[in-house]
């Protein structure tokens, strides 16, 4: 089996590449290594993952951009069996700052890859990494109860795939990701390709280079360990469900092996794997013995107060469920950051 992973030097992409390479598949990774540039970081970041993947003889690395048709065709070569499209501009604040760049990467880049796959290897399975941000502020219409350290939903356990995506604010990031989400669905409907959309909640894990704009779990850990201040936008009671990255990759594999022709799934840790920001900081202090330097600021546009995935559909259709608890995942990430302090200190 030949698998192309776009954005393969990112946290999700590199774990996909490693997972399938260890299963002896032929893996092609396409990445432009521009994550640090997008977030104004003056050190290398995903280059670490790029070099890490170089130790696998069955991983071919191609430096290129999903917006460039020549680069995509080179990566596809004579054709592949699976495409896992993780390439993207992943930051909400940066999408507000650079909306045209955000659109070109997330929306046009996705369409460019889809169309190349349709023309070169239309039998290939296409997996798109979408986001809960496609639901935008519709999520905030759900009644909440405010507790001492978190908000909780009233009447539901989590957000299902039936949540509307229209008539609401999204931020440019939510819009651009929704465009790719819809195109992925449409290529299944009109061109009969096998595609899946995974609307991800908070995905985290080792080899994650978190910044304030994106990757908050890793960013909080990095800040705590190296005495950097963090800003919480809001009151810290906002809640997310956390999913360790290897659990996500296993869900991708289950779809690849499943007979479903098209899939649309909300995926995250679900109701049993949640933290508020305040609770996360408490657990972080417990594990590291250090208190994080925190300041509070105003809420950011379209920042959902609570997002918890209803994962009942993916559990049923793919026989999948999370394995790694947030506390265990934090322990792994803390250990990795300590071992690679030159990238963060």
C-alpha atoms as a PDB file:
ATOM      1  CA  UNK A   1       0.000   0.000   0.000  1.00  0.00           C
ATOM      2  CA  UNK A   2       1.230   3.499  -0.902  1.00  0.00           C
ATOM      3  CA  UNK A   3       0.131   6.384   1.333  1.00  0.00           C
ATOM      4  CA  UNK A   4       0.611  10.096   0.715  1.00  0.00           C
ATOM      5  CA  UNK A   5       0.498  12.341   3.766  1.00  0.00           C
ATOM      6  CA  UNK A   6       0.314  16.064   3.132  1.00  0.00           C
ATOM      7  CA  UNK A   7       1.598  18.244   5.925  1.00  0.00           C
ATOM      8  CA  UNK A   8       3.595  15.217   6.959  1.00  0.00           C
ATOM      9  CA  UNK A   9       6.042  17.147   9.117  1.00  0.00           C
ATOM     10  CA  UNK A  10       3.248  18.435  11.356  1.00  0.00           C
ATOM     11  CA  UNK A  11       2.262  16.728  14.567  1.00  0.00           C
ATOM     12  CA  UNK A  12      -0.671  14.758  13.123  1.00  0.00           C
ATOM     13  CA  UNK A  13       1.006  14.148   9.781  1.00  0.00           C
ATOM     14  CA  UNK A  14       4.293  12.896  11.250  1.00  0.00           C
ATOM     15  CA  UNK A  15       2.473  10.462  13.522  1.00  0.00           C
ATOM     16  CA  UNK A  16       0.509   9.153  10.528  1.00  0.00           C
ATOM     17  CA  UNK A  17       3.762   8.702   8.599  1.00  0.00           C
ATOM     18  CA  UNK A  18       5.485   6.901  11.449  1.00  0.00           C
ATOM     19  CA  UNK A  19       2.480   4.672  12.161  1.00  0.00           C
ATOM     20  CA  UNK A  20       2.103   3.414   8.608  1.00  0.00           C
ATOM     21  CA  UNK A  21       5.849   3.206   7.981  1.00  0.00           C
ATOM     22  CA  UNK A  22       6.168   0.874  10.959  1.00  0.00           C
ATOM     23  CA  UNK A  23       3.505  -1.293   9.307  1.00  0.00           C
ATOM     24  CA  UNK A  24       5.833  -1.543   6.282  1.00  0.00           C
ATOM     25  CA  UNK A  25       3.709   0.570   3.948  1.00  0.00           C
ATOM     26  CA  UNK A  26       5.316   2.840   1.378  1.00  0.00           C
ATOM     27  CA  UNK A  27       4.827   6.382   2.703  1.00  0.00           C
ATOM     28  CA  UNK A  28       5.269   9.684   0.872  1.00  0.00           C
ATOM     29  CA  UNK A  29       5.381  12.882   2.915  1.00  0.00           C
ATOM     30  CA  UNK A  30       4.761  16.320   1.397  1.00  0.00           C
ATOM     31  CA  UNK A  31       5.445  19.448   3.462  1.00  0.00           C
ATOM     32  CA  UNK A  32       6.654  23.011   2.887  1.00  0.00           C
ATOM     33  CA  UNK A  33       8.057  23.394   6.439  1.00  0.00           C
ATOM     34  CA  UNK A  34       6.504  26.831   6.935  1.00  0.00           C
ATOM     35  CA  UNK A  35       4.891  26.368  10.368  1.00  0.00           C
ATOM     36  CA  UNK A  36       7.391  28.531  12.233  1.00  0.00           C
ATOM     37  CA  UNK A  37       7.077  31.266   9.608  1.00  0.00           C
ATOM     38  CA  UNK A  38       3.276  31.263   9.896  1.00  0.00           C
ATOM     39  CA  UNK A  39       3.467  31.883  13.629  1.00  0.00           C
ATOM     40  CA  UNK A  40       6.424  34.248  13.633  1.00  0.00           C
ATOM     41  CA  UNK A  41       8.637  31.777  15.515  1.00  0.00           C
ATOM     42  CA  UNK A  42      12.363  32.436  15.140  1.00  0.00           C
ATOM     43  CA  UNK A  43      13.423  28.830  15.690  1.00  0.00           C
ATOM     44  CA  UNK A  44      12.907  25.711  13.643  1.00  0.00           C
ATOM     45  CA  UNK A  45       9.946  23.576  14.707  1.00  0.00           C
ATOM     46  CA  UNK A  46       8.523  20.944  12.365  1.00  0.00           C
ATOM     47  CA  UNK A  47      11.990  20.475  10.894  1.00  0.00           C
ATOM     48  CA  UNK A  48      12.443  18.233  13.937  1.00  0.00           C
ATOM     49  CA  UNK A  49       9.701  15.934  12.647  1.00  0.00           C
ATOM     50  CA  UNK A  50      11.040  16.138   9.092  1.00  0.00           C
ATOM     51  CA  UNK A  51      14.440  14.913  10.268  1.00  0.00           C
ATOM     52  CA  UNK A  52      12.851  12.314  12.540  1.00  0.00           C
ATOM     53  CA  UNK A  53      11.000  10.759   9.604  1.00  0.00           C
ATOM     54  CA  UNK A  54      14.253  10.577   7.657  1.00  0.00           C
ATOM     55  CA  UNK A  55      15.308   7.509   9.641  1.00  0.00           C
ATOM     56  CA  UNK A  56      12.591   5.408   7.990  1.00  0.00           C
ATOM     57  CA  UNK A  57      13.757   3.865   4.727  1.00  0.00           C
ATOM     58  CA  UNK A  58      10.173   3.453   3.487  1.00  0.00           C
ATOM     59  CA  UNK A  59       9.300   7.146   3.925  1.00  0.00           C
ATOM     60  CA  UNK A  60      10.001   9.421   0.964  1.00  0.00           C
ATOM     61  CA  UNK A  61      10.090  13.101   1.911  1.00  0.00           C
ATOM     62  CA  UNK A  62       9.191  15.763  -0.652  1.00  0.00           C
ATOM     63  CA  UNK A  63       9.608  19.447   0.089  1.00  0.00           C
ATOM     64  CA  UNK A  64       6.620  21.092  -1.565  1.00  0.00           C
ATOM     65  CA  UNK A  65       3.348  22.970  -1.217  1.00  0.00           C
ATOM     66  CA  UNK A  66      -0.208  21.637  -1.557  1.00  0.00           C
ATOM     67  CA  UNK A  67      -1.080  24.806  -3.496  1.00  0.00           C
ATOM     68  CA  UNK A  68       1.450  23.918  -6.194  1.00  0.00           C
ATOM     69  CA  UNK A  69       0.045  21.401  -8.681  1.00  0.00           C
ATOM     70  CA  UNK A  70       3.495  20.305  -9.789  1.00  0.00           C
ATOM     71  CA  UNK A  71       4.490  19.494  -6.193  1.00  0.00           C
ATOM     72  CA  UNK A  72       1.285  17.530  -5.607  1.00  0.00           C
ATOM     73  CA  UNK A  73       1.674  15.545  -8.822  1.00  0.00           C
ATOM     74  CA  UNK A  74       5.271  14.753  -7.913  1.00  0.00           C
ATOM     75  CA  UNK A  75       4.133  13.455  -4.539  1.00  0.00           C
ATOM     76  CA  UNK A  76       1.371  11.332  -6.054  1.00  0.00           C
ATOM     77  CA  UNK A  77       3.746   9.926  -8.668  1.00  0.00           C
ATOM     78  CA  UNK A  78       2.178   6.980 -10.472  1.00  0.00           C
ATOM     79  CA  UNK A  79      -0.646   7.011  -7.943  1.00  0.00           C
ATOM     80  CA  UNK A  80      -1.293   6.089  -4.327  1.00  0.00           C
ATOM     81  CA  UNK A  81      -3.848   4.027  -2.425  1.00  0.00           C
ATOM     82  CA  UNK A  82      -4.520   6.529   0.369  1.00  0.00           C
ATOM     83  CA  UNK A  83      -4.146  10.281   0.866  1.00  0.00           C
ATOM     84  CA  UNK A  84      -4.256  11.687   4.401  1.00  0.00           C
ATOM     85  CA  UNK A  85      -4.558  15.448   3.989  1.00  0.00           C
ATOM     86  CA  UNK A  86      -3.260  17.078   7.167  1.00  0.00           C
ATOM     87  CA  UNK A  87      -1.621  20.108   5.534  1.00  0.00           C
ATOM     88  CA  UNK A  88      -3.165  23.367   6.645  1.00  0.00           C
ATOM     89  CA  UNK A  89      -2.919  26.787   8.217  1.00  0.00           C
ATOM     90  CA  UNK A  90      -4.028  25.763  11.724  1.00  0.00           C
ATOM     91  CA  UNK A  91      -4.224  29.023  13.666  1.00  0.00           C
ATOM     92  CA  UNK A  92      -7.438  30.918  14.385  1.00  0.00           C
ATOM     93  CA  UNK A  93      -5.826  34.272  15.262  1.00  0.00           C
ATOM     94  CA  UNK A  94      -3.443  33.996  12.311  1.00  0.00           C
ATOM     95  CA  UNK A  95      -6.410  33.437   9.981  1.00  0.00           C
ATOM     96  CA  UNK A  96      -7.787  36.786  11.139  1.00  0.00           C
ATOM     97  CA  UNK A  97      -4.398  38.356  10.511  1.00  0.00           C
ATOM     98  CA  UNK A  98      -3.742  36.755   7.083  1.00  0.00           C
ATOM     99  CA  UNK A  99      -7.128  35.649   5.662  1.00  0.00           C
ATOM    100  CA  UNK A 100      -5.973  35.323   2.033  1.00  0.00           C
ATOM    101  CA  UNK A 101      -3.048  33.089   3.004  1.00  0.00           C
ATOM    102  CA  UNK A 102      -5.369  31.080   5.259  1.00  0.00           C
ATOM    103  CA  UNK A 103      -7.831  30.564   2.386  1.00  0.00           C
ATOM    104  CA  UNK A 104      -5.157  29.651  -0.139  1.00  0.00           C
ATOM    105  CA  UNK A 105      -3.723  26.938   2.115  1.00  0.00           C
ATOM    106  CA  UNK A 106      -6.873  25.465   3.672  1.00  0.00           C
ATOM    107  CA  UNK A 107      -9.467  25.887   0.922  1.00  0.00           C
ATOM    108  CA  UNK A 108      -7.585  26.038  -2.375  1.00  0.00           C
ATOM    109  CA  UNK A 109      -4.877  23.669  -1.164  1.00  0.00           C
ATOM    110  CA  UNK A 110      -7.459  21.017  -0.325  1.00  0.00           C
ATOM    111  CA  UNK A 111      -9.237  21.382  -3.657  1.00  0.00           C
ATOM    112  CA  UNK A 112      -5.897  21.230  -5.476  1.00  0.00           C
ATOM    113  CA  UNK A 113      -5.009  17.922  -3.811  1.00  0.00           C
ATOM    114  CA  UNK A 114      -8.487  16.457  -4.319  1.00  0.00           C
ATOM    115  CA  UNK A 115      -8.451  17.296  -8.011  1.00  0.00           C
ATOM    116  CA  UNK A 116      -4.974  15.842  -8.524  1.00  0.00           C
ATOM    117  CA  UNK A 117      -6.065  12.629  -6.818  1.00  0.00           C
ATOM    118  CA  UNK A 118      -9.218  12.469  -8.952  1.00  0.00           C
ATOM    119  CA  UNK A 119      -7.187  12.765 -12.143  1.00  0.00           C
ATOM    120  CA  UNK A 120      -4.271  10.508 -11.235  1.00  0.00           C
ATOM    121  CA  UNK A 121      -5.671   7.853  -8.877  1.00  0.00           C
ATOM    122  CA  UNK A 122      -9.432   8.294  -8.337  1.00  0.00           C
ATOM    123  CA  UNK A 123      -9.638   4.940  -6.545  1.00  0.00           C
ATOM    124  CA  UNK A 124      -7.511   6.317  -3.704  1.00  0.00           C
ATOM    125  CA  UNK A 125      -9.067   6.848  -0.272  1.00  0.00           C
ATOM    126  CA  UNK A 126      -8.983  10.517   0.748  1.00  0.00           C
ATOM    127  CA  UNK A 127      -9.017  11.551   4.418  1.00  0.00           C
ATOM    128  CA  UNK A 128      -9.455  15.209   5.373  1.00  0.00           C
ATOM    129  CA  UNK A 129      -8.570  16.601   8.784  1.00  0.00           C
ATOM    130  CA  UNK A 130     -11.309  19.123   9.497  1.00  0.00           C
ATOM    131  CA  UNK A 131     -12.103  20.945  12.730  1.00  0.00           C
ATOM    132  CA  UNK A 132     -14.838  21.642  15.245  1.00  0.00           C
ATOM    133  CA  UNK A 133     -14.521  25.291  14.207  1.00  0.00           C
ATOM    134  CA  UNK A 134     -16.763  24.535  11.202  1.00  0.00           C
ATOM    135  CA  UNK A 135     -19.681  24.726  13.661  1.00  0.00           C
ATOM    136  CA  UNK A 136     -18.632  28.218  14.695  1.00  0.00           C
ATOM    137  CA  UNK A 137     -20.733  30.115  17.197  1.00  0.00           C
ATOM    138  CA  UNK A 138     -23.681  27.724  16.741  1.00  0.00           C
ATOM    139  CA  UNK A 139     -22.029  25.718  19.524  1.00  0.00           C
ATOM    140  CA  UNK A 140     -22.523  28.664  21.894  1.00  0.00           C
ATOM    141  CA  UNK A 141     -26.303  28.463  21.481  1.00  0.00           C
ATOM    142  CA  UNK A 142     -26.310  25.389  23.703  1.00  0.00           C
ATOM    143  CA  UNK A 143     -27.257  26.357  27.276  1.00  0.00           C
ATOM    144  CA  UNK A 144     -24.394  26.173  29.760  1.00  0.00           C
ATOM    145  CA  UNK A 145     -24.095  25.911  33.498  1.00  0.00           C
ATOM    146  CA  UNK A 146     -21.176  27.734  35.118  1.00  0.00           C
ATOM    147  CA  UNK A 147     -19.405  25.798  37.862  1.00  0.00           C
ATOM    148  CA  UNK A 148     -16.439  26.846  39.984  1.00  0.00           C
ATOM    149  CA  UNK A 149     -13.773  25.715  37.517  1.00  0.00           C
ATOM    150  CA  UNK A 150     -15.623  24.899  34.284  1.00  0.00           C
ATOM    151  CA  UNK A 151     -18.676  25.317  32.111  1.00  0.00           C
ATOM    152  CA  UNK A 152     -20.866  22.277  31.416  1.00  0.00           C
ATOM    153  CA  UNK A 153     -23.515  21.634  28.788  1.00  0.00           C
ATOM    154  CA  UNK A 154     -27.122  21.521  29.876  1.00  0.00           C
ATOM    155  CA  UNK A 155     -29.059  18.631  28.391  1.00  0.00           C
ATOM    156  CA  UNK A 156     -26.412  17.097  26.098  1.00  0.00           C
ATOM    157  CA  UNK A 157     -23.093  15.273  26.490  1.00  0.00           C
ATOM    158  CA  UNK A 158     -21.413  16.526  23.334  1.00  0.00           C
ATOM    159  CA  UNK A 159     -21.686  17.960  19.833  1.00  0.00           C
ATOM    160  CA  UNK A 160     -22.903  15.560  17.162  1.00  0.00           C
ATOM    161  CA  UNK A 161     -22.510  15.701  13.404  1.00  0.00           C
ATOM    162  CA  UNK A 162     -26.063  17.094  13.200  1.00  0.00           C
ATOM    163  CA  UNK A 163     -24.940  20.473  14.544  1.00  0.00           C
ATOM    164  CA  UNK A 164     -25.568  23.127  11.811  1.00  0.00           C
ATOM    165  CA  UNK A 165     -22.552  24.781  10.197  1.00  0.00           C
ATOM    166  CA  UNK A 166     -24.339  27.778   8.636  1.00  0.00           C
ATOM    167  CA  UNK A 167     -25.889  31.094   9.768  1.00  0.00           C
ATOM    168  CA  UNK A 168     -23.142  31.801  12.270  1.00  0.00           C
ATOM    169  CA  UNK A 169     -19.702  33.305  12.770  1.00  0.00           C
ATOM    170  CA  UNK A 170     -16.729  31.014  12.251  1.00  0.00           C
ATOM    171  CA  UNK A 171     -13.543  33.136  11.962  1.00  0.00           C
ATOM    172  CA  UNK A 172     -11.716  32.916   8.608  1.00  0.00           C
ATOM    173  CA  UNK A 173     -10.080  29.680   9.780  1.00  0.00           C
ATOM    174  CA  UNK A 174     -13.445  28.012  10.388  1.00  0.00           C
ATOM    175  CA  UNK A 175     -14.648  29.147   6.967  1.00  0.00           C
ATOM    176  CA  UNK A 176     -11.581  27.979   5.062  1.00  0.00           C
ATOM    177  CA  UNK A 177     -11.614  24.597   6.781  1.00  0.00           C
ATOM    178  CA  UNK A 178     -15.334  24.234   6.096  1.00  0.00           C
ATOM    179  CA  UNK A 179     -14.669  24.819   2.393  1.00  0.00           C
ATOM    180  CA  UNK A 180     -12.235  21.895   2.342  1.00  0.00           C
ATOM    181  CA  UNK A 181     -14.645  19.847   4.440  1.00  0.00           C
ATOM    182  CA  UNK A 182     -17.481  20.371   1.946  1.00  0.00           C
ATOM    183  CA  UNK A 183     -15.308  19.723  -1.101  1.00  0.00           C
ATOM    184  CA  UNK A 184     -14.153  16.440   0.432  1.00  0.00           C
ATOM    185  CA  UNK A 185     -17.768  15.399   0.915  1.00  0.00           C
ATOM    186  CA  UNK A 186     -18.684  16.556  -2.586  1.00  0.00           C
ATOM    187  CA  UNK A 187     -15.945  14.507  -4.261  1.00  0.00           C
ATOM    188  CA  UNK A 188     -17.530  11.433  -2.714  1.00  0.00           C
ATOM    189  CA  UNK A 189     -20.998  12.423  -3.934  1.00  0.00           C
ATOM    190  CA  UNK A 190     -20.268  13.565  -7.472  1.00  0.00           C
ATOM    191  CA  UNK A 191     -17.058  11.704  -8.375  1.00  0.00           C
ATOM    192  CA  UNK A 192     -17.716   8.592  -6.260  1.00  0.00           C
ATOM    193  CA  UNK A 193     -14.345   8.766  -4.513  1.00  0.00           C
ATOM    194  CA  UNK A 194     -14.040   7.195  -1.075  1.00  0.00           C
ATOM    195  CA  UNK A 195     -13.547  10.130   1.284  1.00  0.00           C
ATOM    196  CA  UNK A 196     -13.793  10.864   4.981  1.00  0.00           C
ATOM    197  CA  UNK A 197     -13.990  14.069   6.981  1.00  0.00           C
ATOM    198  CA  UNK A 198     -12.767  13.991  10.581  1.00  0.00           C
ATOM    199  CA  UNK A 199     -13.926  17.090  12.462  1.00  0.00           C
ATOM    200  CA  UNK A 200     -11.279  17.163  15.138  1.00  0.00           C
ATOM    201  CA  UNK A 201     -11.440  18.600  18.611  1.00  0.00           C
ATOM    202  CA  UNK A 202      -8.233  19.153  20.616  1.00  0.00           C
ATOM    203  CA  UNK A 203      -5.564  16.805  19.216  1.00  0.00           C
ATOM    204  CA  UNK A 204      -2.235  16.757  21.032  1.00  0.00           C
ATOM    205  CA  UNK A 205       0.834  14.597  21.496  1.00  0.00           C
ATOM    206  CA  UNK A 206       4.607  14.426  21.414  1.00  0.00           C
ATOM    207  CA  UNK A 207       6.398  16.261  18.596  1.00  0.00           C
ATOM    208  CA  UNK A 208       3.836  19.069  18.879  1.00  0.00           C
ATOM    209  CA  UNK A 209       5.277  22.575  18.641  1.00  0.00           C
ATOM    210  CA  UNK A 210       2.622  24.646  20.353  1.00  0.00           C
ATOM    211  CA  UNK A 211       2.271  28.400  20.078  1.00  0.00           C
ATOM    212  CA  UNK A 212      -0.204  30.800  21.637  1.00  0.00           C
ATOM    213  CA  UNK A 213      -2.119  30.850  18.332  1.00  0.00           C
ATOM    214  CA  UNK A 214      -2.328  27.076  17.951  1.00  0.00           C
ATOM    215  CA  UNK A 215      -1.617  23.906  19.903  1.00  0.00           C
ATOM    216  CA  UNK A 216      -2.546  25.149  23.368  1.00  0.00           C
ATOM    217  CA  UNK A 217      -1.852  21.882  25.211  1.00  0.00           C
ATOM    218  CA  UNK A 218       1.780  21.843  24.098  1.00  0.00           C
ATOM    219  CA  UNK A 219       2.063  25.624  24.537  1.00  0.00           C
ATOM    220  CA  UNK A 220       0.876  25.497  28.166  1.00  0.00           C
ATOM    221  CA  UNK A 221       3.354  22.714  28.910  1.00  0.00           C
ATOM    222  CA  UNK A 222       6.251  24.516  27.207  1.00  0.00           C
ATOM    223  CA  UNK A 223       5.422  27.749  29.024  1.00  0.00           C
ATOM    224  CA  UNK A 224       5.215  25.988  32.373  1.00  0.00           C
ATOM    225  CA  UNK A 225       8.526  24.172  32.001  1.00  0.00           C
ATOM    226  CA  UNK A 226      10.467  27.197  30.755  1.00  0.00           C
ATOM    227  CA  UNK A 227       8.857  29.914  32.883  1.00  0.00           C
ATOM    228  CA  UNK A 228       7.116  31.684  30.009  1.00  0.00           C
ATOM    229  CA  UNK A 229       3.892  33.636  30.642  1.00  0.00           C
ATOM    230  CA  UNK A 230       0.638  32.491  29.063  1.00  0.00           C
ATOM    231  CA  UNK A 231      -2.507  34.475  28.334  1.00  0.00           C
ATOM    232  CA  UNK A 232      -5.936  32.974  28.935  1.00  0.00           C
ATOM    233  CA  UNK A 233      -8.573  34.675  26.828  1.00  0.00           C
ATOM    234  CA  UNK A 234     -11.713  34.595  28.944  1.00  0.00           C
ATOM    235  CA  UNK A 235     -11.997  33.217  32.451  1.00  0.00           C
ATOM    236  CA  UNK A 236     -10.299  29.831  32.012  1.00  0.00           C
ATOM    237  CA  UNK A 237     -13.491  27.852  32.515  1.00  0.00           C
ATOM    238  CA  UNK A 238     -13.718  26.986  28.813  1.00  0.00           C
ATOM    239  CA  UNK A 239     -13.672  23.231  28.224  1.00  0.00           C
ATOM    240  CA  UNK A 240     -12.234  21.018  25.481  1.00  0.00           C
ATOM    241  CA  UNK A 241     -12.148  17.274  24.971  1.00  0.00           C
ATOM    242  CA  UNK A 242      -8.591  16.052  24.438  1.00  0.00           C
ATOM    243  CA  UNK A 243      -7.506  13.246  22.104  1.00  0.00           C
ATOM    244  CA  UNK A 244      -3.991  11.859  21.927  1.00  0.00           C
ATOM    245  CA  UNK A 245      -2.684  11.813  18.382  1.00  0.00           C
ATOM    246  CA  UNK A 246      -2.064   8.064  18.068  1.00  0.00           C
ATOM    247  CA  UNK A 247      -5.726   7.412  18.885  1.00  0.00           C
ATOM    248  CA  UNK A 248      -6.624   9.693  15.971  1.00  0.00           C
ATOM    249  CA  UNK A 249      -4.335   7.811  13.576  1.00  0.00           C
ATOM    250  CA  UNK A 250      -5.944   4.519  14.558  1.00  0.00           C
ATOM    251  CA  UNK A 251      -9.326   5.999  13.629  1.00  0.00           C
ATOM    252  CA  UNK A 252      -7.942   6.870  10.191  1.00  0.00           C
ATOM    253  CA  UNK A 253      -6.765   3.299   9.745  1.00  0.00           C
ATOM    254  CA  UNK A 254     -10.155   1.931  10.744  1.00  0.00           C
ATOM    255  CA  UNK A 255     -11.812   4.041   8.041  1.00  0.00           C
ATOM    256  CA  UNK A 256      -9.259   2.908   5.454  1.00  0.00           C
ATOM    257  CA  UNK A 257     -10.076  -0.723   6.225  1.00  0.00           C
ATOM    258  CA  UNK A 258     -13.836  -0.153   6.487  1.00  0.00           C
ATOM    259  CA  UNK A 259     -16.302  -0.668   3.642  1.00  0.00           C
ATOM    260  CA  UNK A 260     -17.873   2.761   4.112  1.00  0.00           C
ATOM    261  CA  UNK A 261     -17.772   4.803   0.900  1.00  0.00           C
ATOM    262  CA  UNK A 262     -18.013   8.137   2.672  1.00  0.00           C
ATOM    263  CA  UNK A 263     -17.542   9.171   6.287  1.00  0.00           C
ATOM    264  CA  UNK A 264     -18.209  12.288   8.347  1.00  0.00           C
ATOM    265  CA  UNK A 265     -17.148  12.071  11.976  1.00  0.00           C
ATOM    266  CA  UNK A 266     -16.740  14.309  14.980  1.00  0.00           C
ATOM    267  CA  UNK A 267     -13.642  13.056  16.748  1.00  0.00           C
ATOM    268  CA  UNK A 268     -12.067  13.978  20.062  1.00  0.00           C
ATOM    269  CA  UNK A 269     -11.679  12.568  23.499  1.00  0.00           C
ATOM    270  CA  UNK A 270     -15.426  12.711  24.087  1.00  0.00           C
ATOM    271  CA  UNK A 271     -17.205  13.459  27.388  1.00  0.00           C
ATOM    272  CA  UNK A 272     -14.863  11.232  29.418  1.00  0.00           C
ATOM    273  CA  UNK A 273     -11.668  13.050  28.396  1.00  0.00           C
ATOM    274  CA  UNK A 274     -12.170  16.746  29.091  1.00  0.00           C
ATOM    275  CA  UNK A 275     -10.337  19.568  30.817  1.00  0.00           C
ATOM    276  CA  UNK A 276     -11.123  23.199  31.428  1.00  0.00           C
ATOM    277  CA  UNK A 277      -8.097  25.457  31.104  1.00  0.00           C
ATOM    278  CA  UNK A 278      -8.087  25.998  34.863  1.00  0.00           C
ATOM    279  CA  UNK A 279      -8.252  22.245  35.506  1.00  0.00           C
ATOM    280  CA  UNK A 280      -5.491  21.627  32.986  1.00  0.00           C
ATOM    281  CA  UNK A 281      -3.199  24.114  34.758  1.00  0.00           C
ATOM    282  CA  UNK A 282      -3.884  22.394  38.071  1.00  0.00           C
ATOM    283  CA  UNK A 283      -2.956  18.997  36.622  1.00  0.00           C
ATOM    284  CA  UNK A 284       0.106  20.528  34.987  1.00  0.00           C
ATOM    285  CA  UNK A 285       1.280  21.886  38.349  1.00  0.00           C
ATOM    286  CA  UNK A 286       0.694  18.488  39.916  1.00  0.00           C
ATOM    287  CA  UNK A 287       2.844  16.764  37.285  1.00  0.00           C
ATOM    288  CA  UNK A 288       5.695  19.279  37.028  1.00  0.00           C
ATOM    289  CA  UNK A 289       5.655  20.792  40.507  1.00  0.00           C
ATOM    290  CA  UNK A 290       5.680  24.260  38.941  1.00  0.00           C
ATOM    291  CA  UNK A 291       3.035  26.966  38.791  1.00  0.00           C
ATOM    292  CA  UNK A 292       2.376  28.540  35.394  1.00  0.00           C
ATOM    293  CA  UNK A 293       2.613  32.313  34.988  1.00  0.00           C
ATOM    294  CA  UNK A 294      -0.880  33.357  33.844  1.00  0.00           C
ATOM    295  CA  UNK A 295      -2.557  36.589  32.800  1.00  0.00           C
ATOM    296  CA  UNK A 296      -6.173  36.970  31.680  1.00  0.00           C
ATOM    297  CA  UNK A 297      -7.509  38.942  28.727  1.00  0.00           C
ATOM    298  CA  UNK A 298     -10.764  39.442  26.808  1.00  0.00           C
ATOM    299  CA  UNK A 299     -12.535  36.608  25.032  1.00  0.00           C
ATOM    300  CA  UNK A 300     -11.431  36.091  21.421  1.00  0.00           C
ATOM    301  CA  UNK A 301     -13.904  36.158  18.486  1.00  0.00           C
ATOM    302  CA  UNK A 302     -15.874  32.930  18.011  1.00  0.00           C
ATOM    303  CA  UNK A 303     -13.987  31.177  20.823  1.00  0.00           C
ATOM    304  CA  UNK A 304     -16.329  28.380  21.902  1.00  0.00           C
ATOM    305  CA  UNK A 305     -16.802  28.276  25.688  1.00  0.00           C
ATOM    306  CA  UNK A 306     -17.307  24.529  25.597  1.00  0.00           C
ATOM    307  CA  UNK A 307     -16.577  22.047  22.865  1.00  0.00           C
ATOM    308  CA  UNK A 308     -16.973  18.350  23.621  1.00  0.00           C
ATOM    309  CA  UNK A 309     -17.314  15.864  20.782  1.00  0.00           C
ATOM    310  CA  UNK A 310     -20.174  13.405  20.694  1.00  0.00           C
ATOM    311  CA  UNK A 311     -18.190  10.384  19.490  1.00  0.00           C
ATOM    312  CA  UNK A 312     -21.059   7.885  19.501  1.00  0.00           C
ATOM    313  CA  UNK A 313     -21.240   7.782  15.687  1.00  0.00           C
ATOM    314  CA  UNK A 314     -17.570   6.987  15.138  1.00  0.00           C
ATOM    315  CA  UNK A 315     -17.661   4.437  17.951  1.00  0.00           C
ATOM    316  CA  UNK A 316     -20.532   2.662  16.218  1.00  0.00           C
ATOM    317  CA  UNK A 317     -19.467   2.920  12.573  1.00  0.00           C
ATOM    318  CA  UNK A 318     -15.714   2.352  12.975  1.00  0.00           C
ATOM    319  CA  UNK A 319     -15.644   0.414  16.250  1.00  0.00           C
ATOM    320  CA  UNK A 320     -13.230   3.008  17.622  1.00  0.00           C
ATOM    321  CA  UNK A 321     -12.719   4.677  20.973  1.00  0.00           C
ATOM    322  CA  UNK A 322      -9.970   6.649  22.735  1.00  0.00           C
ATOM    323  CA  UNK A 323      -7.341   4.672  24.621  1.00  0.00           C
ATOM    324  CA  UNK A 324      -4.997   7.250  26.151  1.00  0.00           C
ATOM    325  CA  UNK A 325      -6.278   9.463  28.954  1.00  0.00           C
ATOM    326  CA  UNK A 326      -5.416  13.182  29.005  1.00  0.00           C
ATOM    327  CA  UNK A 327      -3.332  12.743  32.167  1.00  0.00           C
ATOM    328  CA  UNK A 328      -1.254   9.992  30.551  1.00  0.00           C
ATOM    329  CA  UNK A 329      -0.929  11.995  27.354  1.00  0.00           C
ATOM    330  CA  UNK A 330       0.248  15.041  29.305  1.00  0.00           C
ATOM    331  CA  UNK A 331       2.902  12.928  31.018  1.00  0.00           C
ATOM    332  CA  UNK A 332       4.233  11.782  27.642  1.00  0.00           C
ATOM    333  CA  UNK A 333       4.302  15.309  26.243  1.00  0.00           C
ATOM    334  CA  UNK A 334       5.976  16.755  29.344  1.00  0.00           C
ATOM    335  CA  UNK A 335       8.720  14.122  29.085  1.00  0.00           C
ATOM    336  CA  UNK A 336       9.275  14.841  25.375  1.00  0.00           C
ATOM    337  CA  UNK A 337       9.473  18.609  25.859  1.00  0.00           C
ATOM    338  CA  UNK A 338      12.045  18.162  28.652  1.00  0.00           C
ATOM    339  CA  UNK A 339      14.116  15.934  26.377  1.00  0.00           C
ATOM    340  CA  UNK A 340      14.108  18.555  23.608  1.00  0.00           C
ATOM    341  CA  UNK A 341      14.542  21.761  25.566  1.00  0.00           C
ATOM    342  CA  UNK A 342      16.783  23.372  22.906  1.00  0.00           C
ATOM    343  CA  UNK A 343      13.705  23.872  20.754  1.00  0.00           C
ATOM    344  CA  UNK A 344      11.789  25.702  23.472  1.00  0.00           C
ATOM    345  CA  UNK A 345      14.073  27.388  26.006  1.00  0.00           C
END
